[in-house]
Amino acid sequence: MTTRKLEKAEWQEIFDKLSKRLGRKQAKIEVIGLALGNQVEAEWLPLIGIVYDHKDDVAEVALEGLDHLIHKPREIRIDEDDGVLGRLEIVDADGIRQIIKLRRDPELAHRTAPQQ
């Protein structure tokens, strides 16, 4: 697995590209900080996308039923294995680490769209 620190100038573009090629994934979000300890924010929910808005300086991890916002991120690292994103770590302005782990969701591939 290759870990890479992203430069702030590339956050928006990288996240846009990642969101387009995510496919059917689930995400687990862990939040780690001295005052918080280690907390699980989301446990393997279907992933909709990941974006960075430079205007508001906020990263958003959109999951089914949950929008996880990270205000004023100061560092972003990604872990890839053969070009497949497996994990992101986003550190916010307060030093709180958000660990986003990704995995394939075989159930999503078999879901059908609701009938209208």
C-alpha atoms as a PDB file:
ATOM      1  CA  MET A   1       0.000   0.000   0.000  1.00  0.00           C
ATOM      2  CA  THR A   2       1.278   3.446  -0.924  1.00  0.00           C
ATOM      3  CA  THR A   3       0.609   6.444   1.332  1.00  0.00           C
ATOM      4  CA  ARG A   4       0.736   9.889  -0.198  1.00  0.00           C
ATOM      5  CA  LYS A   5       0.311  13.328   1.341  1.00  0.00           C
ATOM      6  CA  LEU A   6      -1.764  15.565  -0.911  1.00  0.00           C
ATOM      7  CA  GLU A   7      -0.838  19.199  -1.514  1.00  0.00           C
ATOM      8  CA  LYS A   8      -3.663  21.613  -0.675  1.00  0.00           C
ATOM      9  CA  ALA A   9      -3.721  22.932  -4.255  1.00  0.00           C
ATOM     10  CA  GLU A  10      -4.726  19.455  -5.499  1.00  0.00           C
ATOM     11  CA  TRP A  11      -7.386  18.545  -2.899  1.00  0.00           C
ATOM     12  CA  GLN A  12     -10.434  19.624  -4.896  1.00  0.00           C
ATOM     13  CA  GLU A  13      -9.286  18.057  -8.160  1.00  0.00           C
ATOM     14  CA  ILE A  14      -8.154  14.793  -6.538  1.00  0.00           C
ATOM     15  CA  PHE A  15     -11.424  14.399  -4.604  1.00  0.00           C
ATOM     16  CA  ASP A  16     -13.472  15.121  -7.734  1.00  0.00           C
ATOM     17  CA  LYS A  17     -11.551  12.417  -9.614  1.00  0.00           C
ATOM     18  CA  LEU A  18     -11.818   9.981  -6.704  1.00  0.00           C
ATOM     19  CA  SER A  19     -15.572  10.476  -6.399  1.00  0.00           C
ATOM     20  CA  LYS A  20     -16.037   9.717 -10.095  1.00  0.00           C
ATOM     21  CA  ARG A  21     -14.148   6.425  -9.888  1.00  0.00           C
ATOM     22  CA  LEU A  22     -15.208   5.171  -6.462  1.00  0.00           C
ATOM     23  CA  GLY A  23     -17.697   2.651  -7.772  1.00  0.00           C
ATOM     24  CA  ARG A  24     -19.673   0.695  -5.223  1.00  0.00           C
ATOM     25  CA  LYS A  25     -17.944   1.326  -1.892  1.00  0.00           C
ATOM     26  CA  GLN A  26     -18.752   1.451   1.790  1.00  0.00           C
ATOM     27  CA  ALA A  27     -16.991   3.707   4.271  1.00  0.00           C
ATOM     28  CA  LYS A  28     -16.165   3.588   7.940  1.00  0.00           C
ATOM     29  CA  ILE A  29     -15.272   6.896   9.593  1.00  0.00           C
ATOM     30  CA  GLU A  30     -13.238   7.070  12.792  1.00  0.00           C
ATOM     31  CA  VAL A  31     -12.597  10.365  14.577  1.00  0.00           C
ATOM     32  CA  ILE A  32      -9.527  10.527  16.819  1.00  0.00           C
ATOM     33  CA  GLY A  33      -8.519  13.395  19.096  1.00  0.00           C
ATOM     34  CA  LEU A  34      -7.035  13.956  22.543  1.00  0.00           C
ATOM     35  CA  ALA A  35     -10.274  15.347  24.006  1.00  0.00           C
ATOM     36  CA  LEU A  36     -12.486  12.898  22.065  1.00  0.00           C
ATOM     37  CA  GLY A  37     -10.584   9.669  22.258  1.00  0.00           C
ATOM     38  CA  ASN A  38     -11.340   7.278  19.400  1.00  0.00           C
ATOM     39  CA  GLN A  39     -14.949   7.382  18.137  1.00  0.00           C
ATOM     40  CA  VAL A  40     -16.679   5.687  15.231  1.00  0.00           C
ATOM     41  CA  GLU A  41     -18.783   8.226  13.310  1.00  0.00           C
ATOM     42  CA  ALA A  42     -20.041   5.778  10.660  1.00  0.00           C
ATOM     43  CA  GLU A  43     -19.844   2.001  10.378  1.00  0.00           C
ATOM     44  CA  TRP A  44     -19.665   0.775   6.759  1.00  0.00           C
ATOM     45  CA  LEU A  45     -22.307   2.950   5.118  1.00  0.00           C
ATOM     46  CA  PRO A  46     -22.638   3.231   1.325  1.00  0.00           C
ATOM     47  CA  LEU A  47     -20.329   5.983   0.062  1.00  0.00           C
ATOM     48  CA  ILE A  48     -21.800   8.640  -2.219  1.00  0.00           C
ATOM     49  CA  GLY A  49     -18.733  10.850  -2.703  1.00  0.00           C
ATOM     50  CA  ILE A  50     -15.877  12.879  -1.269  1.00  0.00           C
ATOM     51  CA  VAL A  51     -15.437  16.568  -2.079  1.00  0.00           C
ATOM     52  CA  TYR A  52     -13.368  19.543  -1.004  1.00  0.00           C
ATOM     53  CA  ASP A  53     -14.778  23.069  -1.213  1.00  0.00           C
ATOM     54  CA  HIS A  54     -11.842  25.498  -1.213  1.00  0.00           C
ATOM     55  CA  LYS A  55     -14.165  28.508  -0.873  1.00  0.00           C
ATOM     56  CA  ASP A  56     -15.534  27.357   2.502  1.00  0.00           C
ATOM     57  CA  ASP A  57     -12.393  25.305   3.322  1.00  0.00           C
ATOM     58  CA  VAL A  58     -14.378  22.168   4.114  1.00  0.00           C
ATOM     59  CA  ALA A  59     -14.024  18.517   3.121  1.00  0.00           C
ATOM     60  CA  GLU A  60     -17.217  16.472   2.896  1.00  0.00           C
ATOM     61  CA  VAL A  61     -17.590  12.719   3.002  1.00  0.00           C
ATOM     62  CA  ALA A  62     -21.114  11.989   1.787  1.00  0.00           C
ATOM     63  CA  LEU A  63     -22.525   8.666   2.918  1.00  0.00           C
ATOM     64  CA  GLU A  64     -26.001   7.244   2.651  1.00  0.00           C
ATOM     65  CA  GLY A  65     -27.823   8.987   5.520  1.00  0.00           C
ATOM     66  CA  LEU A  66     -24.823  11.017   6.721  1.00  0.00           C
ATOM     67  CA  ASP A  67     -22.771  14.015   5.554  1.00  0.00           C
ATOM     68  CA  HIS A  68     -19.502  14.107   7.487  1.00  0.00           C
ATOM     69  CA  LEU A  69     -17.979  17.595   7.303  1.00  0.00           C
ATOM     70  CA  ILE A  70     -14.369  18.403   8.155  1.00  0.00           C
ATOM     71  CA  HIS A  71     -13.844  22.135   8.554  1.00  0.00           C
ATOM     72  CA  LYS A  72     -10.492  23.738   7.829  1.00  0.00           C
ATOM     73  CA  PRO A  73      -8.518  20.593   6.988  1.00  0.00           C
ATOM     74  CA  ARG A  74      -4.796  21.135   7.261  1.00  0.00           C
ATOM     75  CA  GLU A  75      -3.459  17.792   6.023  1.00  0.00           C
ATOM     76  CA  ILE A  76      -4.804  14.994   3.828  1.00  0.00           C
ATOM     77  CA  ARG A  77      -3.150  11.651   3.183  1.00  0.00           C
ATOM     78  CA  ILE A  78      -4.426   8.840   0.984  1.00  0.00           C
ATOM     79  CA  ASP A  79      -3.523   5.155   0.929  1.00  0.00           C
ATOM     80  CA  GLU A  80      -3.768   3.384  -2.408  1.00  0.00           C
ATOM     81  CA  ASP A  81      -3.040  -0.186  -3.411  1.00  0.00           C
ATOM     82  CA  ASP A  82      -2.517  -0.630  -7.168  1.00  0.00           C
ATOM     83  CA  GLY A  83      -4.423   2.607  -7.819  1.00  0.00           C
ATOM     84  CA  VAL A  84      -7.377   1.620  -5.615  1.00  0.00           C
ATOM     85  CA  LEU A  85      -8.146   4.019  -2.773  1.00  0.00           C
ATOM     86  CA  GLY A  86      -8.352   2.158   0.534  1.00  0.00           C
ATOM     87  CA  ARG A  87      -8.046   4.864   3.178  1.00  0.00           C
ATOM     88  CA  LEU A  88      -7.951   8.621   3.708  1.00  0.00           C
ATOM     89  CA  GLU A  89      -6.714  10.498   6.728  1.00  0.00           C
ATOM     90  CA  ILE A  90      -7.801  14.110   7.123  1.00  0.00           C
ATOM     91  CA  VAL A  91      -6.449  16.234   9.974  1.00  0.00           C
ATOM     92  CA  ASP A  92      -8.465  19.351  10.789  1.00  0.00           C
ATOM     93  CA  ALA A  93      -7.302  22.697  12.210  1.00  0.00           C
ATOM     94  CA  ASP A  94      -7.716  21.407  15.788  1.00  0.00           C
ATOM     95  CA  GLY A  95      -5.515  18.365  15.139  1.00  0.00           C
ATOM     96  CA  ILE A  96      -8.456  15.946  15.105  1.00  0.00           C
ATOM     97  CA  ARG A  97      -7.816  13.021  12.755  1.00  0.00           C
ATOM     98  CA  GLN A  98     -10.625  11.668  10.593  1.00  0.00           C
ATOM     99  CA  ILE A  99      -9.837   8.202   9.256  1.00  0.00           C
ATOM    100  CA  ILE A 100     -12.022   7.146   6.328  1.00  0.00           C
ATOM    101  CA  LYS A 101     -11.629   3.470   5.442  1.00  0.00           C
ATOM    102  CA  LEU A 102     -13.119   2.170   2.207  1.00  0.00           C
ATOM    103  CA  ARG A 103     -14.136  -1.282   1.064  1.00  0.00           C
ATOM    104  CA  ARG A 104     -16.133  -2.811  -1.778  1.00  0.00           C
ATOM    105  CA  ASP A 105     -19.825  -3.299  -1.144  1.00  0.00           C
ATOM    106  CA  PRO A 106     -21.047  -6.418  -2.956  1.00  0.00           C
ATOM    107  CA  GLU A 107     -24.623  -5.791  -1.790  1.00  0.00           C
ATOM    108  CA  LEU A 108     -24.758  -2.414  -3.533  1.00  0.00           C
ATOM    109  CA  ALA A 109     -23.866  -4.005  -6.835  1.00  0.00           C
ATOM    110  CA  HIS A 110     -26.983  -6.167  -6.599  1.00  0.00           C
ATOM    111  CA  ARG A 111     -29.423  -3.444  -5.537  1.00  0.00           C
ATOM    112  CA  THR A 112     -31.916  -2.216  -8.060  1.00  0.00           C
ATOM    113  CA  ALA A 113     -33.305   1.270  -8.371  1.00  0.00           C
ATOM    114  CA  PRO A 114     -36.677   1.793  -6.641  1.00  0.00           C
ATOM    115  CA  GLN A 115     -39.715   1.545  -8.894  1.00  0.00           C
ATOM    116  CA  GLN A 116     -41.443   4.840  -9.635  1.00  0.00           C
END
